[in-house]
C-alpha atoms as a PDB file:
ATOM      1  CA  MET A   1      -0.319  -0.009  -0.300  1.00  0.00           C
ATOM      2  CA  ALA A   2       2.303   2.634   0.680  1.00  0.00           C
ATOM      3  CA  ALA A   3       4.617   1.595  -2.316  1.00  0.00           C
ATOM      4  CA  GLY A   4       1.657   2.231  -4.620  1.00  0.00           C
ATOM      5  CA  GLN A   5       0.603   6.131  -2.605  1.00  0.00           C
ATOM      6  CA  THR A   6       4.702   7.013  -3.566  1.00  0.00           C
ATOM      7  CA  LEU A   7       4.195   5.548  -7.132  1.00  0.00           C
ATOM      8  CA  ARG A   8       1.235   8.032  -7.202  1.00  0.00           C
ATOM      9  CA  ALA A   9       3.014  10.669  -5.525  1.00  0.00           C
ATOM     10  CA  ILE A  10       5.741  10.361  -8.471  1.00  0.00           C
ATOM     11  CA  VAL A  11       3.482  10.361 -10.992  1.00  0.00           C
ATOM     12  CA  LEU A  12       1.608  13.615  -9.885  1.00  0.00           C
ATOM     13  CA  SER A  13       4.996  15.404  -9.377  1.00  0.00           C
ATOM     14  CA  LEU A  14       6.165  14.582 -12.682  1.00  0.00           C
ATOM     15  CA  ALA A  15       2.126  15.868 -14.769  1.00  0.00           C
ATOM     16  CA  VAL A  16       2.696  18.875 -12.125  1.00  0.00           C
ATOM     17  CA  HIS A  17       6.150  19.767 -13.573  1.00  0.00           C
ATOM     18  CA  GLY A  18       5.343  19.045 -16.945  1.00  0.00           C
ATOM     19  CA  VAL A  19       2.045  21.632 -17.044  1.00  0.00           C
ATOM     20  CA  MET A  20       4.489  23.675 -15.311  1.00  0.00           C
ATOM     21  CA  VAL A  21       7.066  23.738 -18.583  1.00  0.00           C
ATOM     22  CA  LEU A  22       4.421  23.996 -20.704  1.00  0.00           C
ATOM     23  CA  PHE A  23       3.527  27.013 -19.402  1.00  0.00           C
ATOM     24  CA  LEU A  24       6.142  28.776 -19.089  1.00  0.00           C
ATOM     25  CA  VAL A  25       6.368  27.918 -23.086  1.00  0.00           C
ATOM     26  CA  LEU A  26       3.454  29.759 -23.371  1.00  0.00           C
ATOM     27  CA  GLY A  27       4.561  32.478 -21.549  1.00  0.00           C
ATOM     28  CA  THR A  28       7.437  33.050 -23.252  1.00  0.00           C
ATOM     29  CA  TRP A  29       6.193  32.763 -26.925  1.00  0.00           C
ATOM     30  CA  ASN A  30       6.270  35.699 -28.863  1.00  0.00           C
ATOM     31  CA  TRP A  31       2.595  36.174 -29.925  1.00  0.00           C
ATOM     32  CA  GLN A  32       3.369  39.088 -32.447  1.00  0.00           C
ATOM     33  CA  ALA A  33       2.670  38.979 -36.243  1.00  0.00           C
ATOM     34  CA  PHE A  34       5.563  37.661 -38.730  1.00  0.00           C
ATOM     35  CA  ASP A  35       7.493  40.827 -39.968  1.00  0.00           C
ATOM     36  CA  ARG A  36       6.534  40.698 -43.396  1.00  0.00           C
ATOM     37  CA  THR A  37       7.908  43.156 -45.903  1.00  0.00           C
ATOM     38  CA  PRO A  38       4.628  45.017 -47.593  1.00  0.00           C
ATOM     39  CA  PRO A  39       4.635  45.460 -51.120  1.00  0.00           C
ATOM     40  CA  PRO A  40       5.437  48.793 -52.029  1.00  0.00           C
ATOM     41  CA  VAL A  41       2.784  50.987 -52.001  1.00  0.00           C
ATOM     42  CA  GLN A  42       2.417  53.702 -54.473  1.00  0.00           C
ATOM     43  CA  VAL A  43       2.026  57.333 -52.501  1.00  0.00           C
ATOM     44  CA  ARG A  44      -0.988  59.343 -53.793  1.00  0.00           C
ATOM     45  CA  LEU A  45      -1.776  62.167 -52.081  1.00  0.00           C
ATOM     46  CA  VAL A  46      -4.874  61.801 -50.879  1.00  0.00           C
ATOM     47  CA  ASP A  47      -6.323  62.568 -47.634  1.00  0.00           C
ATOM     48  CA  SER A  48      -4.890  59.578 -45.319  1.00  0.00           C
ATOM     49  CA  SER A  49      -6.813  60.626 -41.929  1.00  0.00           C
ATOM     50  CA  PRO A  50      -9.313  57.838 -42.079  1.00  0.00           C
ATOM     51  CA  ILE A  51      -6.432  55.269 -43.262  1.00  0.00           C
ATOM     52  CA  LEU A  52      -4.371  56.223 -39.953  1.00  0.00           C
ATOM     53  CA  ASP A  53      -7.340  56.246 -38.415  1.00  0.00           C
ATOM     54  CA  GLN A  54      -8.085  52.839 -38.986  1.00  0.00           C
ATOM     55  CA  ARG A  55      -4.172  51.591 -38.539  1.00  0.00           C
ATOM     56  CA  ARG A  56      -4.236  52.332 -35.577  1.00  0.00           C
ATOM     57  CA  ALA A  57      -7.119  51.091 -34.474  1.00  0.00           C
ATOM     58  CA  GLU A  58      -5.928  47.984 -36.133  1.00  0.00           C
ATOM     59  CA  GLU A  59      -2.298  47.769 -33.567  1.00  0.00           C
ATOM     60  CA  GLN A  60      -4.177  48.912 -30.850  1.00  0.00           C
ATOM     61  CA  ALA A  61      -7.129  45.956 -30.507  1.00  0.00           C
ATOM     62  CA  GLN A  62      -4.124  43.955 -31.603  1.00  0.00           C
ATOM     63  CA  ARG A  63      -2.324  44.493 -28.609  1.00  0.00           C
ATOM     64  CA  GLU A  64      -5.214  44.590 -26.722  1.00  0.00           C
ATOM     65  CA  ALA A  65      -5.327  41.090 -28.326  1.00  0.00           C
ATOM     66  CA  GLU A  66      -1.432  40.630 -26.882  1.00  0.00           C
ATOM     67  CA  ALA A  67      -2.462  41.798 -23.778  1.00  0.00           C
ATOM     68  CA  GLN A  68      -4.986  39.759 -23.146  1.00  0.00           C
ATOM     69  CA  ALA A  69      -3.615  36.638 -23.820  1.00  0.00           C
ATOM     70  CA  GLU A  70      -0.453  37.460 -22.039  1.00  0.00           C
ATOM     71  CA  ARG A  71      -3.525  37.736 -19.378  1.00  0.00           C
ATOM     72  CA  GLN A  72      -4.673  34.392 -20.011  1.00  0.00           C
ATOM     73  CA  ALA A  73      -1.750  32.946 -20.011  1.00  0.00           C
ATOM     74  CA  GLU A  74      -0.628  34.451 -17.060  1.00  0.00           C
ATOM     75  CA  GLU A  75      -3.809  33.221 -15.201  1.00  0.00           C
ATOM     76  CA  ALA A  76      -3.014  29.548 -16.733  1.00  0.00           C
ATOM     77  CA  ARG A  77       0.107  29.718 -15.615  1.00  0.00           C
ATOM     78  CA  ARG A  78      -0.826  30.917 -12.289  1.00  0.00           C
ATOM     79  CA  ARG A  79      -3.322  28.132 -11.894  1.00  0.00           C
ATOM     80  CA  ALA A  80      -0.721  25.905 -13.405  1.00  0.00           C
ATOM     81  CA  GLU A  81       1.191  26.263 -10.494  1.00  0.00           C
ATOM     82  CA  GLU A  82      -1.659  26.503  -7.772  1.00  0.00           C
ATOM     83  CA  GLN A  83      -2.782  22.986  -9.091  1.00  0.00           C
ATOM     84  CA  ALA A  84       0.638  21.730  -9.290  1.00  0.00           C
ATOM     85  CA  ARG A  85       1.372  23.245  -5.940  1.00  0.00           C
ATOM     86  CA  GLN A  86      -2.063  22.292  -4.173  1.00  0.00           C
ATOM     87  CA  GLN A  87      -0.987  17.888  -6.244  1.00  0.00           C
ATOM     88  CA  ALA A  88       2.597  18.761  -4.083  1.00  0.00           C
ATOM     89  CA  GLU A  89       0.794  19.437  -1.036  1.00  0.00           C
ATOM     90  CA  GLN A  90      -1.448  16.574  -1.375  1.00  0.00           C
ATOM     91  CA  ALA A  91       1.421  14.463  -2.367  1.00  0.00           C
ATOM     92  CA  ARG A  92       2.894  15.571   0.671  1.00  0.00           C
ATOM     93  CA  ARG A  93       0.292  15.006   2.600  1.00  0.00           C
ATOM     94  CA  GLU A  94      -0.669  11.497   1.992  1.00  0.00           C
ATOM     95  CA  ALA A  95       3.486  10.597   1.848  1.00  0.00           C
ATOM     96  CA  GLU A  96       3.595  12.021   5.726  1.00  0.00           C
ATOM     97  CA  GLN A  97       0.169  10.537   6.393  1.00  0.00           C
ATOM     98  CA  ALA A  98       1.508   6.617   4.286  1.00  0.00           C
ATOM     99  CA  ALA A  99       4.668   7.449   7.500  1.00  0.00           C
ATOM    100  CA  GLN A 100       2.028   8.256  10.181  1.00  0.00           C
ATOM    101  CA  ARG A 101       0.785   4.894   9.204  1.00  0.00           C
ATOM    102  CA  ARG A 102       3.944   3.410   9.074  1.00  0.00           C
ATOM    103  CA  GLN A 103       5.572   4.951  12.569  1.00  0.00           C
ATOM    104  CA  GLU A 104       1.154   4.062  14.274  1.00  0.00           C
ATOM    105  CA  ALA A 105       1.935   0.586  12.842  1.00  0.00           C
ATOM    106  CA  GLN A 106       5.564   0.417  14.221  1.00  0.00           C
ATOM    107  CA  ARG A 107       4.430   1.600  17.332  1.00  0.00           C
ATOM    108  CA  GLN A 108       1.001  -0.620  17.817  1.00  0.00           C
ATOM    109  CA  ARG A 109       3.884  -3.914  17.076  1.00  0.00           C
ATOM    110  CA  GLU A 110       6.216  -2.585  20.265  1.00  0.00           C
ATOM    111  CA  ALA A 111       3.360  -2.623  22.068  1.00  0.00           C
ATOM    112  CA  ARG A 112       2.361  -5.346  21.464  1.00  0.00           C
ATOM    113  CA  GLU A 113       5.923  -6.700  21.685  1.00  0.00           C
ATOM    114  CA  GLN A 114       6.479  -5.411  24.943  1.00  0.00           C
ATOM    115  CA  GLU A 115       2.658  -6.901  26.542  1.00  0.00           C
ATOM    116  CA  ARG A 116       3.895  -9.919  25.117  1.00  0.00           C
ATOM    117  CA  ARG A 117       6.880  -9.366  27.159  1.00  0.00           C
ATOM    118  CA  GLU A 118       5.284  -8.128  29.992  1.00  0.00           C
ATOM    119  CA  THR A 119       3.179 -11.156  29.854  1.00  0.00           C
ATOM    120  CA  GLU A 120       6.066 -13.497  30.222  1.00  0.00           C
ATOM    121  CA  ARG A 121       7.625 -12.225  32.588  1.00  0.00           C
ATOM    122  CA  ALA A 122       4.611 -11.764  34.974  1.00  0.00           C
ATOM    123  CA  GLU A 123       3.821 -15.718  34.567  1.00  0.00           C
ATOM    124  CA  ALA A 124       7.039 -16.724  35.063  1.00  0.00           C
ATOM    125  CA  ALA A 125       7.175 -14.450  37.861  1.00  0.00           C
ATOM    126  CA  ALA A 126       3.827 -15.939  38.867  1.00  0.00           C
ATOM    127  CA  ARG A 127       5.275 -19.572  37.870  1.00  0.00           C
ATOM    128  CA  GLU A 128       8.996 -18.526  40.489  1.00  0.00           C
ATOM    129  CA  ALA A 129       5.645 -17.744  43.399  1.00  0.00           C
ATOM    130  CA  GLU A 130       4.074 -20.691  43.236  1.00  0.00           C
ATOM    131  CA  LEU A 131       7.375 -22.779  43.078  1.00  0.00           C
ATOM    132  CA  ALA A 132       8.673 -21.270  46.236  1.00  0.00           C
ATOM    133  CA  GLU A 133       5.109 -21.574  48.174  1.00  0.00           C
ATOM    134  CA  ILE A 134       5.589 -25.444  47.150  1.00  0.00           C
ATOM    135  CA  ARG A 135       9.140 -25.465  48.636  1.00  0.00           C
ATOM    136  CA  ARG A 136       8.384 -23.445  51.592  1.00  0.00           C
ATOM    137  CA  GLN A 137       5.629 -25.865  52.218  1.00  0.00           C
ATOM    138  CA  ARG A 138       7.838 -28.777  51.604  1.00  0.00           C
ATOM    139  CA  GLU A 139      10.307 -27.411  54.184  1.00  0.00           C
ATOM    140  CA  VAL A 140       7.477 -26.294  56.861  1.00  0.00           C
ATOM    141  CA  ALA A 141       6.182 -30.017  56.254  1.00  0.00           C
ATOM    142  CA  GLU A 142       9.544 -31.601  56.899  1.00  0.00           C
ATOM    143  CA  ALA A 143      10.524 -29.404  59.867  1.00  0.00           C
ATOM    144  CA  ARG A 144       7.185 -30.086  61.508  1.00  0.00           C
ATOM    145  CA  ARG A 145       8.154 -34.307  60.754  1.00  0.00           C
ATOM    146  CA  ARG A 146      11.658 -33.519  62.155  1.00  0.00           C
ATOM    147  CA  GLU A 147      10.069 -32.080  65.202  1.00  0.00           C
ATOM    148  CA  GLU A 148       7.700 -34.708  65.397  1.00  0.00           C
ATOM    149  CA  GLU A 149      10.460 -37.769  64.968  1.00  0.00           C
ATOM    150  CA  GLN A 150      12.800 -35.556  67.717  1.00  0.00           C
ATOM    151  CA  ARG A 151       9.845 -35.277  70.068  1.00  0.00           C
ATOM    152  CA  LEU A 152       9.530 -39.148  69.847  1.00  0.00           C
ATOM    153  CA  ALA A 153      12.700 -40.354  70.052  1.00  0.00           C
ATOM    154  CA  GLU A 154      12.705 -38.287  72.883  1.00  0.00           C
ATOM    155  CA  LEU A 155       9.893 -39.650  74.305  1.00  0.00           C
ATOM    156  CA  ALA A 156      11.184 -43.216  74.161  1.00  0.00           C
ATOM    157  CA  ALA A 157      14.536 -42.085  75.728  1.00  0.00           C
ATOM    158  CA  ARG A 158      13.332 -41.119  78.384  1.00  0.00           C
ATOM    159  CA  ARG A 159      10.594 -44.257  78.852  1.00  0.00           C
ATOM    160  CA  GLU A 160      14.415 -45.887  78.262  1.00  0.00           C
ATOM    161  CA  ALA A 161      15.631 -45.006  81.191  1.00  0.00           C
ATOM    162  CA  GLU A 162      13.435 -44.601  83.511  1.00  0.00           C
ATOM    163  CA  ALA A 163      12.534 -48.580  82.539  1.00  0.00           C
ATOM    164  CA  GLN A 164      16.635 -49.286  83.415  1.00  0.00           C
ATOM    165  CA  VAL A 165      16.415 -47.569  85.927  1.00  0.00           C
ATOM    166  CA  ARG A 166      13.324 -49.790  87.298  1.00  0.00           C
ATOM    167  CA  ARG A 167      16.044 -52.854  86.464  1.00  0.00           C
ATOM    168  CA  GLU A 168      18.755 -51.175  87.372  1.00  0.00           C
ATOM    169  CA  ALA A 169      17.036 -50.578  91.050  1.00  0.00           C
ATOM    170  CA  GLU A 170      15.219 -54.762  90.638  1.00  0.00           C
ATOM    171  CA  GLU A 171      18.468 -55.775  89.990  1.00  0.00           C
ATOM    172  CA  ALA A 172      20.722 -53.622  93.162  1.00  0.00           C
ATOM    173  CA  GLU A 173      17.841 -55.461  95.283  1.00  0.00           C
ATOM    174  CA  ARG A 174      18.554 -58.441  94.518  1.00  0.00           C
ATOM    175  CA  LEU A 175      22.229 -58.000  94.305  1.00  0.00           C
ATOM    176  CA  ARG A 176      21.608 -57.073  97.257  1.00  0.00           C
ATOM    177  CA  LEU A 177      19.857 -60.208  98.803  1.00  0.00           C
ATOM    178  CA  SER A 178      21.750 -62.652  96.603  1.00  0.00           C
ATOM    179  CA  ASP A 179      24.927 -60.759  98.752  1.00  0.00           C
ATOM    180  CA  GLN A 180      23.410 -61.130 101.712  1.00  0.00           C
ATOM    181  CA  GLN A 181      22.819 -64.810 100.984  1.00  0.00           C
ATOM    182  CA  ALA A 182      26.165 -65.385 100.241  1.00  0.00           C
ATOM    183  CA  ALA A 183      27.426 -64.128 103.279  1.00  0.00           C
ATOM    184  CA  ALA A 184      25.833 -66.524 104.755  1.00  0.00           C
ATOM    185  CA  ASP A 185      26.680 -68.984 102.542  1.00  0.00           C
ATOM    186  CA  ALA A 186      29.976 -68.039 102.774  1.00  0.00           C
ATOM    187  CA  ARG A 187      30.185 -67.885 106.774  1.00  0.00           C
ATOM    188  CA  ARG A 188      28.437 -71.577 106.543  1.00  0.00           C
ATOM    189  CA  ALA A 189      31.165 -73.064 104.308  1.00  0.00           C
ATOM    190  CA  THR A 190      34.978 -73.547 104.796  1.00  0.00           C
ATOM    191  CA  LEU A 191      37.196 -71.110 103.238  1.00  0.00           C
ATOM    192  CA  SER A 192      37.605 -72.890  99.893  1.00  0.00           C
ATOM    193  CA  GLU A 193      33.924 -72.658  99.153  1.00  0.00           C
ATOM    194  CA  GLU A 194      33.804 -69.242 100.069  1.00  0.00           C
ATOM    195  CA  TYR A 195      35.536 -68.252  97.781  1.00  0.00           C
ATOM    196  CA  ILE A 196      34.476 -69.958  95.107  1.00  0.00           C
ATOM    197  CA  LEU A 197      31.201 -68.522  96.584  1.00  0.00           C
ATOM    198  CA  THR A 198      32.579 -65.051  96.570  1.00  0.00           C
ATOM    199  CA  ILE A 199      33.064 -65.529  92.170  1.00  0.00           C
ATOM    200  CA  GLN A 200      30.200 -67.121  91.841  1.00  0.00           C
ATOM    201  CA  THR A 201      28.503 -64.115  93.543  1.00  0.00           C
ATOM    202  CA  LEU A 202      30.867 -61.580  91.504  1.00  0.00           C
ATOM    203  CA  VAL A 203      29.867 -62.671  88.143  1.00  0.00           C
ATOM    204  CA  ARG A 204      26.503 -62.845  89.035  1.00  0.00           C
ATOM    205  CA  ARG A 205      26.914 -59.522  89.568  1.00  0.00           C
ATOM    206  CA  ASN A 206      28.197 -58.636  86.368  1.00  0.00           C
ATOM    207  CA  TRP A 207      26.073 -61.016  84.920  1.00  0.00           C
ATOM    208  CA  THR A 208      23.340 -59.372  82.171  1.00  0.00           C
ATOM    209  CA  ARG A 209      20.995 -61.669  82.044  1.00  0.00           C
ATOM    210  CA  PRO A 210      19.943 -62.344  77.940  1.00  0.00           C
ATOM    211  CA  PRO A 211      15.464 -62.884  77.438  1.00  0.00           C
ATOM    212  CA  THR A 212      16.228 -66.357  76.248  1.00  0.00           C
ATOM    213  CA  THR A 213      17.624 -67.569  79.481  1.00  0.00           C
ATOM    214  CA  GLN A 214      14.786 -69.892  80.787  1.00  0.00           C
ATOM    215  CA  PRO A 215      14.481 -70.676  84.464  1.00  0.00           C
ATOM    216  CA  GLY A 216      16.408 -73.856  85.742  1.00  0.00           C
ATOM    217  CA  MET A 217      19.749 -73.021  83.537  1.00  0.00           C
ATOM    218  CA  ALA A 218      22.828 -74.317  84.516  1.00  0.00           C
ATOM    219  CA  CYS A 219      25.974 -74.238  83.239  1.00  0.00           C
ATOM    220  CA  THR A 220      29.701 -75.113  84.338  1.00  0.00           C
ATOM    221  CA  VAL A 221      32.006 -72.385  83.867  1.00  0.00           C
ATOM    222  CA  LYS A 222      36.085 -72.687  84.146  1.00  0.00           C
ATOM    223  CA  VAL A 223      38.043 -69.540  85.123  1.00  0.00           C
ATOM    224  CA  PHE A 224      41.282 -69.190  83.958  1.00  0.00           C
ATOM    225  CA  GLN A 225      43.545 -66.950  86.489  1.00  0.00           C
ATOM    226  CA  ILE A 226      47.417 -65.922  87.591  1.00  0.00           C
ATOM    227  CA  PRO A 227      48.237 -65.022  90.944  1.00  0.00           C
ATOM    228  CA  GLY A 228      47.223 -62.303  92.374  1.00  0.00           C
ATOM    229  CA  GLY A 229      43.981 -63.284  90.765  1.00  0.00           C
ATOM    230  CA  GLU A 230      44.498 -61.662  87.308  1.00  0.00           C
ATOM    231  CA  ILE A 231      41.553 -63.525  85.211  1.00  0.00           C
ATOM    232  CA  ILE A 232      43.467 -64.774  81.711  1.00  0.00           C
ATOM    233  CA  ASN A 233      40.662 -66.968  80.386  1.00  0.00           C
ATOM    234  CA  ALA A 234      37.102 -68.176  80.548  1.00  0.00           C
ATOM    235  CA  GLU A 235      35.228 -71.002  79.108  1.00  0.00           C
ATOM    236  CA  VAL A 236      31.578 -72.471  79.849  1.00  0.00           C
ATOM    237  CA  ALA A 237      31.905 -76.229  79.931  1.00  0.00           C
ATOM    238  CA  ARG A 238      29.618 -79.974  80.051  1.00  0.00           C
ATOM    239  CA  PRO A 239      27.716 -79.922  81.358  1.00  0.00           C
ATOM    240  CA  CYS A 240      25.356 -76.799  80.239  1.00  0.00           C
ATOM    241  CA  ASN A 241      21.483 -76.651  79.534  1.00  0.00           C
ATOM    242  CA  ALA A 242      22.157 -72.963  78.192  1.00  0.00           C
ATOM    243  CA  ASP A 243      21.420 -71.199  74.980  1.00  0.00           C
ATOM    244  CA  ALA A 244      24.574 -69.802  73.626  1.00  0.00           C
ATOM    245  CA  ALA A 245      23.937 -66.818  73.595  1.00  0.00           C
ATOM    246  CA  THR A 246      23.326 -67.226  78.090  1.00  0.00           C
ATOM    247  CA  GLN A 247      26.612 -68.847  77.518  1.00  0.00           C
ATOM    248  CA  ARG A 248      27.685 -65.629  75.559  1.00  0.00           C
ATOM    249  CA  SER A 249      26.375 -63.326  78.934  1.00  0.00           C
ATOM    250  CA  ILE A 250      28.182 -65.411  81.489  1.00  0.00           C
ATOM    251  CA  ILE A 251      31.801 -65.264  79.887  1.00  0.00           C
ATOM    252  CA  ALA A 252      31.255 -61.513  79.204  1.00  0.00           C
ATOM    253  CA  ALA A 253      30.163 -61.217  82.704  1.00  0.00           C
ATOM    254  CA  VAL A 254      33.557 -63.314  83.753  1.00  0.00           C
ATOM    255  CA  ASN A 255      35.601 -60.820  81.942  1.00  0.00           C
ATOM    256  CA  ARG A 256      33.319 -57.876  83.326  1.00  0.00           C
ATOM    257  CA  VAL A 257      34.950 -58.991  86.797  1.00  0.00           C
ATOM    258  CA  GLY A 258      38.629 -58.645  85.655  1.00  0.00           C
ATOM    259  CA  GLU A 259      40.281 -59.380  88.780  1.00  0.00           C
ATOM    260  CA  LEU A 260      39.278 -62.268  91.621  1.00  0.00           C
ATOM    261  CA  PRO A 261      39.434 -61.768  94.997  1.00  0.00           C
ATOM    262  CA  TYR A 262      43.521 -63.248  96.507  1.00  0.00           C
ATOM    263  CA  ARG A 263      43.926 -61.459  99.502  1.00  0.00           C
ATOM    264  CA  GLY A 264      43.149 -63.535 102.377  1.00  0.00           C
ATOM    265  CA  TYR A 265      42.557 -66.556 100.117  1.00  0.00           C
ATOM    266  CA  GLU A 266      46.277 -67.302  98.935  1.00  0.00           C
ATOM    267  CA  SER A 267      46.086 -70.853 100.895  1.00  0.00           C
ATOM    268  CA  VAL A 268      43.701 -71.924  98.586  1.00  0.00           C
ATOM    269  CA  PHE A 269      44.602 -70.045  95.462  1.00  0.00           C
ATOM    270  CA  GLN A 270      44.631 -72.096  92.687  1.00  0.00           C
ATOM    271  CA  ARG A 271      44.991 -71.491  88.817  1.00  0.00           C
ATOM    272  CA  GLU A 272      41.398 -73.089  87.546  1.00  0.00           C
ATOM    273  CA  ILE A 273      38.827 -72.877  89.027  1.00  0.00           C
ATOM    274  CA  GLU A 274      35.280 -74.600  88.726  1.00  0.00           C
ATOM    275  CA  PHE A 275      31.955 -74.048  89.728  1.00  0.00           C
ATOM    276  CA  LEU A 276      28.448 -74.141  88.603  1.00  0.00           C
ATOM    277  CA  PHE A 277      26.597 -70.810  87.585  1.00  0.00           C
ATOM    278  CA  ARG A 278      22.648 -71.058  87.597  1.00  0.00           C
ATOM    279  CA  TYR A 279      19.783 -69.406  86.829  1.00  0.00           C
ATOM    280  CA  ASP A 280      16.132 -70.392  88.782  1.00  0.00           C
ATOM    281  CA  GLY A 281      14.451 -67.720  87.836  1.00  0.00           C
END
């Protein structure tokens, strides 16, 4: 559309210039009659006033005609110039309007592009905000989960600690009673019997009963020591009706004793001591 308007403006401009050139040529054209050599005239002495008057009148009429023709040519030239000016002005206005339309179209394209970019930025910001909210909710949920796990772990630890205190109190009471019984038995026994009984008591104090240990369990235990009472080895011998876990717990109890009583029992010291380890429930 813009190319057609431009071509039209060029054609109009050429037409206007052609008209102007035509009127300029017409305006400068010499409209006087060609100089002709008058035919020989015979002079007669007559009264020539009417002829002169007629000639003057003809010349005057010719001058007026020429002036009229010049005025008409000037008027035609001015009209042509005005028309050309109007056409040029029209072509200029059309060119300006075409340029304005192109500029407006460009502005509209730029506005649409700007709007598209802003829409994309807004959508990206909305997506980012949504993802941030999802991450925040996940973090909150994870924090709550960790807090709940910690609370449960603390509760379990507290319950286990309380249970351990009860078990230790029960074990202490059992050991106290056992010690009392052992002391009574030791007083009734010989020094050797007292020695073996003391070792049994120490091992029992250091024994942690596995859940699989059944009442009526009885195992022969051999302890190997050196002078001074230091234990160098221990093993479970037959007869023994304990399971593997209970046997390991007995050996562990002997090792936890570490050193057997020695002072006061030197006369009955033996490198290998054998005694019966029982659990009656």
